[in-house]
Amino acid sequence: MCDRGFCPSGGKSGPTACLTAPGLPPQEEEEGEDDEDDEGGVFLDLSELPVEESERRPTCIHCCRPEKVCLCPFLPTDPLEVSTSLYIVQHPAEESRVLRTVPLLAACLPKGKCNVLVGRRFSEERHPELAAVCRDRHTLILYPGSDAENLEELDRDFTTTPHNVIIIDGTWSQAKDMFLRNTLFRLPKQVQLNSAPSSQYVIRTQPTNMCLSTLECAAVTLSIMERNQAIQEVLLRPLRALCSFQLQHGAQVHHSKEHLLKNGLYDKPMPKNKRKIKRMQKLITNQNI
């Protein structure tokens, strides 16, 4: 008898071709048909069983966290009053991350002050609103590099005229790809943070000790532009609560890759790619990458 999925005699493949193969005794044919009927009956019975739908944990509509671990008690009672508008261009992969920080940022600010656009590529045709923001002379894009000016040193009074700030939300490799491939992001003045504190987002690994989460970048940026250091403390409060809860329930403190390499704690295989090796050497020597 041939295999049920393949018939070497050249007939039809599948169960029917196998059961009707030449040379099979009649009684065996009948037994095979009965077995097939029995199997069909079993599958029919199974198909009539009720399907249990998996219940999704109720989610807080304000902080976007499961209700049992809602972070609303750590959010400001009223949204922070700011004149600066944030535009978060978010890589699609960030949407599925459970511990993302952008929802917490949005929950702290008034409606319209934290605008999230998801995608990898942003063109003027498909995103005319973002294009208009990029062409506005009062728009800045926060992305480090040799062409970036330190935000703290800009000779501007941000309190007299409302400004926009574009922040790319994603891993460093994703952010780099988005910045380089979107020509719209070349239009605004490029700025970087020169005096940012060490990241408090300790439940996620950062490339270097100077890297910050999106919420932390926004917190430092707004505190500088609004000339109000209290903003930074208010925005970081829910982030600290998030990390504290995760650590209490089994999460581990994640040191930066730079810290692990410098202290001989990096336990993953070293890359073979020359470009990646050079990048890791820069991390060890603390060169600007």
Protein backbone atom coordinates (compact mmCIF):
# COMPACT_ATOMS: atom_id res chain seq x y z
CA MET A 1 0.00 0.00 0.00
CA CYS A 2 1.41 3.39 -0.88
CA ASP A 3 1.94 6.28 1.53
CA ARG A 4 -1.20 8.40 2.17
CA GLY A 5 0.40 11.55 0.85
CA PHE A 6 2.15 10.14 -2.23
CA CYS A 7 1.25 7.42 -4.76
CA PRO A 8 4.21 6.05 -6.76
CA SER A 9 1.90 4.35 -9.25
CA GLY A 10 1.10 7.70 -10.83
CA GLY A 11 -2.48 7.86 -9.56
CA LYS A 12 -4.00 10.66 -7.51
CA SER A 13 -2.15 11.60 -4.37
CA GLY A 14 -3.83 11.76 -1.00
CA PRO A 15 -6.00 9.33 1.00
CA THR A 16 -8.48 8.47 -1.79
CA ALA A 17 -5.78 7.48 -4.25
CA CYS A 18 -4.14 5.27 -1.63
CA LEU A 19 -7.35 3.53 -0.58
CA THR A 20 -8.27 2.64 -4.15
CA ALA A 21 -4.82 1.50 -5.21
CA PRO A 22 -4.85 -1.61 -7.48
CA GLY A 23 -4.29 -4.97 -5.79
CA LEU A 24 -5.90 -4.10 -2.50
CA PRO A 25 -8.20 -6.98 -1.30
CA PRO A 26 -11.89 -6.06 -1.30
CA GLN A 27 -12.33 -6.62 2.45
CA GLU A 28 -9.42 -4.34 3.16
CA GLU A 29 -10.96 -1.70 0.95
CA GLU A 30 -14.14 -1.85 3.00
CA GLU A 31 -12.23 -1.77 6.27
CA GLY A 32 -10.31 1.22 5.01
CA GLU A 33 -13.54 2.97 4.06
CA ASP A 34 -15.02 2.21 7.47
CA ASP A 35 -11.91 3.56 9.16
CA GLU A 36 -12.18 6.67 7.03
CA ASP A 37 -15.82 7.10 8.02
CA ASP A 38 -14.89 6.64 11.68
CA GLU A 39 -12.16 9.25 11.36
CA GLY A 40 -14.57 11.60 9.66
CA GLY A 41 -17.06 11.08 12.48
CA VAL A 42 -14.42 11.83 15.09
CA PHE A 43 -13.41 15.04 13.34
CA LEU A 44 -17.09 15.97 12.98
CA ASP A 45 -17.60 15.46 16.70
CA LEU A 46 -14.53 17.55 17.49
CA SER A 47 -15.71 20.32 15.21
CA GLU A 48 -18.96 20.58 17.16
CA LEU A 49 -17.18 21.12 20.49
CA PRO A 50 -17.43 24.68 21.82
CA VAL A 51 -14.30 26.76 21.28
CA GLU A 52 -13.05 28.57 24.34
CA GLU A 53 -12.02 32.09 23.46
CA SER A 54 -8.94 33.27 25.32
CA GLU A 55 -9.84 36.23 27.46
CA ARG A 56 -7.57 39.21 27.12
CA ARG A 57 -6.69 41.00 30.31
CA PRO A 58 -8.68 44.21 30.75
CA THR A 59 -6.53 47.18 29.80
CA CYS A 60 -6.62 50.67 31.24
CA ILE A 61 -7.62 53.05 28.46
CA HIS A 62 -5.55 55.85 29.96
CA CYS A 63 -2.09 54.36 30.57
CA CYS A 64 -2.58 51.34 28.22
CA ARG A 65 -1.39 48.94 30.91
CA PRO A 66 -3.31 45.87 32.18
CA GLU A 67 -5.74 47.04 34.86
CA LYS A 68 -4.04 44.95 37.56
CA VAL A 69 -0.80 46.82 36.98
CA CYS A 70 -2.31 50.19 36.08
CA LEU A 71 0.15 53.08 36.39
CA CYS A 72 -2.42 55.87 36.55
CA PRO A 73 -1.67 56.59 40.24
CA PHE A 74 1.81 57.64 39.09
CA LEU A 75 0.59 59.95 36.33
CA PRO A 76 -0.08 63.66 36.90
CA THR A 77 -3.61 64.47 38.05
CA ASP A 78 -3.91 66.96 35.20
CA PRO A 79 -1.95 66.87 31.93
CA LEU A 80 1.22 68.95 31.94
CA GLU A 81 0.78 72.35 30.35
CA VAL A 82 3.42 72.69 27.64
CA SER A 83 3.71 74.82 24.53
CA THR A 84 5.94 72.32 22.69
CA SER A 85 4.31 69.70 20.45
CA LEU A 86 5.95 66.29 20.17
CA TYR A 87 5.77 64.14 17.03
CA ILE A 88 6.78 60.55 17.76
CA VAL A 89 7.57 58.65 14.54
CA GLN A 90 7.37 55.08 15.72
CA HIS A 91 8.79 51.96 14.10
CA PRO A 92 5.99 49.35 13.66
CA ALA A 93 7.86 46.83 15.84
CA GLU A 94 7.45 49.12 18.86
CA GLU A 95 3.65 48.75 18.78
CA SER A 96 3.85 45.13 19.94
CA ARG A 97 6.29 45.74 22.79
CA VAL A 98 4.65 45.27 26.18
CA LEU A 99 6.97 47.64 28.06
CA ARG A 100 6.97 50.56 25.65
CA THR A 101 7.15 54.05 27.11
CA VAL A 102 5.30 56.20 24.56
CA PRO A 103 1.79 55.47 25.99
CA LEU A 104 2.98 56.74 29.37
CA LEU A 105 4.36 59.87 27.74
CA ALA A 106 1.10 60.52 25.89
CA ALA A 107 -0.91 60.01 29.10
CA CYS A 108 1.05 62.80 30.80
CA LEU A 109 0.54 65.44 28.10
CA PRO A 110 -2.52 67.28 26.77
CA LYS A 111 -4.27 65.96 23.69
CA GLY A 112 -2.47 67.12 20.56
CA LYS A 113 0.87 67.59 22.32
CA CYS A 114 2.06 64.01 21.77
CA ASN A 115 1.30 62.87 18.24
CA VAL A 116 2.29 59.30 17.30
CA LEU A 117 2.79 58.26 13.67
CA VAL A 118 3.62 54.60 13.00
CA GLY A 119 5.64 53.50 9.98
CA ARG A 120 9.08 53.06 8.44
CA ARG A 121 8.81 55.43 5.50
CA PHE A 122 7.19 58.87 5.56
CA SER A 123 6.62 60.72 2.29
CA GLU A 124 5.10 64.12 1.63
CA GLU A 125 2.32 62.53 -0.44
CA ARG A 126 1.24 60.04 2.20
CA HIS A 127 1.95 62.17 5.27
CA PRO A 128 1.22 65.80 4.33
CA GLU A 129 0.72 66.85 7.97
CA LEU A 130 4.13 65.53 9.00
CA ALA A 131 5.69 67.09 5.91
CA ALA A 132 4.24 70.47 6.89
CA VAL A 133 5.68 70.05 10.39
CA CYS A 134 9.11 69.17 8.96
CA ARG A 135 9.08 72.31 6.80
CA ASP A 136 8.15 74.54 9.72
CA ARG A 137 11.20 76.57 10.79
CA HIS A 138 10.13 76.08 14.41
CA THR A 139 10.56 72.30 14.17
CA LEU A 140 13.52 70.37 15.57
CA ILE A 141 14.39 66.71 15.14
CA LEU A 142 16.11 64.96 18.03
CA TYR A 143 18.77 62.66 16.61
CA PRO A 144 22.47 62.57 17.60
CA GLY A 145 25.24 62.96 15.06
CA SER A 146 28.04 65.14 13.76
CA ASP A 147 25.54 67.57 12.22
CA ALA A 148 23.48 67.91 15.38
CA GLU A 149 23.64 70.92 17.67
CA ASN A 150 23.31 70.59 21.42
CA LEU A 151 19.77 71.53 22.38
CA GLU A 152 20.99 73.12 25.61
CA GLU A 153 23.21 75.53 23.67
CA LEU A 154 20.74 76.76 21.03
CA ASP A 155 20.30 80.50 21.08
CA ARG A 156 16.50 80.41 21.04
CA ASP A 157 13.75 81.35 23.43
CA PHE A 158 11.37 78.41 23.07
CA THR A 159 8.87 79.95 25.47
CA THR A 160 7.97 82.87 23.17
CA THR A 161 7.11 80.79 20.10
CA PRO A 162 5.68 77.25 20.22
CA HIS A 163 8.03 74.67 18.69
CA ASN A 164 7.68 71.12 17.40
CA VAL A 165 10.07 68.27 18.18
CA ILE A 166 10.29 65.05 16.16
CA ILE A 167 11.54 61.98 18.07
CA ILE A 168 12.16 58.60 16.43
CA ASP A 169 10.88 55.69 18.53
CA GLY A 170 12.61 52.34 17.94
CA THR A 171 15.83 50.48 18.58
CA TRP A 172 19.00 52.35 17.64
CA SER A 173 19.39 50.39 14.41
CA GLN A 174 15.74 51.01 13.52
CA ALA A 175 16.02 54.71 14.34
CA LYS A 176 19.16 55.04 12.23
CA ASP A 177 17.49 53.35 9.27
CA MET A 178 14.41 55.57 9.55
CA PHE A 179 16.48 58.74 9.85
CA LEU A 180 18.66 57.97 6.84
CA ARG A 181 15.88 56.76 4.55
CA ASN A 182 13.37 59.56 5.11
CA THR A 183 14.36 62.77 3.34
CA LEU A 184 11.71 64.70 5.28
CA PHE A 185 13.80 64.27 8.41
CA ARG A 186 16.64 66.30 6.84
CA LEU A 187 14.49 69.45 6.75
CA PRO A 188 14.25 70.36 10.46
CA LYS A 189 17.24 71.48 12.50
CA GLN A 190 18.95 68.41 13.98
CA VAL A 191 19.62 68.55 17.72
CA GLN A 192 20.94 66.24 20.41
CA LEU A 193 21.06 66.12 24.21
CA ASN A 194 24.46 66.86 25.66
CA SER A 195 23.72 66.73 29.39
CA ALA A 196 21.23 63.89 29.68
CA PRO A 197 21.33 61.75 32.85
CA SER A 198 21.88 57.99 32.84
CA SER A 199 18.83 56.00 31.76
CA GLN A 200 16.43 54.84 34.44
CA TYR A 201 14.80 52.41 32.02
CA VAL A 202 16.77 49.56 33.56
CA ILE A 203 14.58 46.69 32.32
CA ARG A 204 15.74 47.10 28.73
CA THR A 205 19.31 46.91 27.41
CA GLN A 206 20.72 50.10 25.89
CA PRO A 207 23.78 50.23 23.57
CA THR A 208 25.66 52.80 25.67
CA ASN A 209 25.41 54.42 29.08
CA MET A 210 24.23 57.66 27.42
CA CYS A 211 21.26 56.11 25.59
CA LEU A 212 17.78 56.99 26.82
CA SER A 213 14.29 55.66 26.27
CA THR A 214 11.85 57.71 24.18
CA LEU A 215 10.04 58.93 27.30
CA GLU A 216 13.33 60.01 28.89
CA CYS A 217 14.38 61.87 25.74
CA ALA A 218 11.07 63.69 25.71
CA ALA A 219 11.31 64.48 29.43
CA VAL A 220 14.76 66.06 29.13
CA THR A 221 13.82 67.89 25.91
CA LEU A 222 10.63 69.38 27.35
CA SER A 223 12.33 70.43 30.58
CA ILE A 224 14.92 72.36 28.53
CA MET A 225 12.52 73.94 26.06
CA GLU A 226 9.87 74.81 28.65
CA ARG A 227 12.52 75.95 31.13
CA ASN A 228 10.92 73.82 33.81
CA GLN A 229 12.92 71.04 35.47
CA ALA A 230 9.81 69.79 37.28
CA ILE A 231 8.53 68.41 33.95
CA GLN A 232 11.32 65.86 33.89
CA GLU A 233 10.47 64.56 37.35
CA VAL A 234 6.75 64.27 36.54
CA LEU A 235 7.38 62.33 33.32
CA LEU A 236 9.93 59.97 34.87
CA ARG A 237 7.68 59.00 37.77
CA PRO A 238 5.55 56.43 35.85
CA LEU A 239 8.69 55.03 34.20
CA ARG A 240 10.27 54.39 37.60
CA ALA A 241 7.05 52.73 38.77
CA LEU A 242 6.99 50.51 35.68
CA CYS A 243 10.58 49.37 36.21
CA SER A 244 10.05 48.85 39.93
CA PHE A 245 7.02 46.63 39.34
CA GLN A 246 8.83 44.53 36.73
CA LEU A 247 11.86 44.07 38.99
CA GLN A 248 9.62 42.97 41.87
CA HIS A 249 8.13 40.29 39.63
CA GLY A 250 11.27 38.66 38.30
CA ALA A 251 12.77 41.08 35.79
CA GLN A 252 16.51 41.67 35.93
CA VAL A 253 18.44 44.93 35.80
CA HIS A 254 19.82 45.37 32.29
CA HIS A 255 23.17 47.11 32.04
CA SER A 256 24.14 48.78 28.78
CA LYS A 257 26.19 46.86 26.25
CA GLU A 258 28.98 49.40 26.83
CA HIS A 259 29.00 48.59 30.56
CA LEU A 260 29.04 44.83 29.95
CA LEU A 261 31.91 45.04 27.48
CA LYS A 262 34.05 47.32 29.64
CA ASN A 263 33.61 45.10 32.69
CA GLY A 264 34.08 41.76 30.94
CA LEU A 265 30.46 40.75 31.55
CA TYR A 266 29.33 40.45 27.93
CA ASP A 267 28.43 36.74 27.64
CA LYS A 268 27.14 36.61 24.06
CA PRO A 269 29.25 35.44 21.09
CA MET A 270 31.29 38.25 19.59
CA PRO A 271 30.22 39.23 16.06
CA LYS A 272 32.21 38.15 13.02
CA ASN A 273 31.15 41.13 10.92
CA LYS A 274 34.03 43.65 10.79
CA ARG A 275 31.70 46.63 10.96
CA LYS A 276 30.02 45.28 14.13
CA ILE A 277 33.39 44.43 15.69
CA LYS A 278 34.60 48.00 15.06
CA ARG A 279 31.41 49.37 16.59
CA MET A 280 31.87 47.26 19.73
CA GLN A 281 35.48 48.42 20.00
CA LYS A 282 34.22 51.99 20.00
CA LEU A 283 31.85 51.12 22.81
CA ILE A 284 34.75 49.81 24.88
CA THR A 285 36.92 52.89 24.23
CA ASN A 286 33.94 55.24 24.74
CA GLN A 287 34.34 56.85 21.34
CA ASN A 288 31.48 58.79 19.77
CA ILE A 289 29.44 56.30 17.73
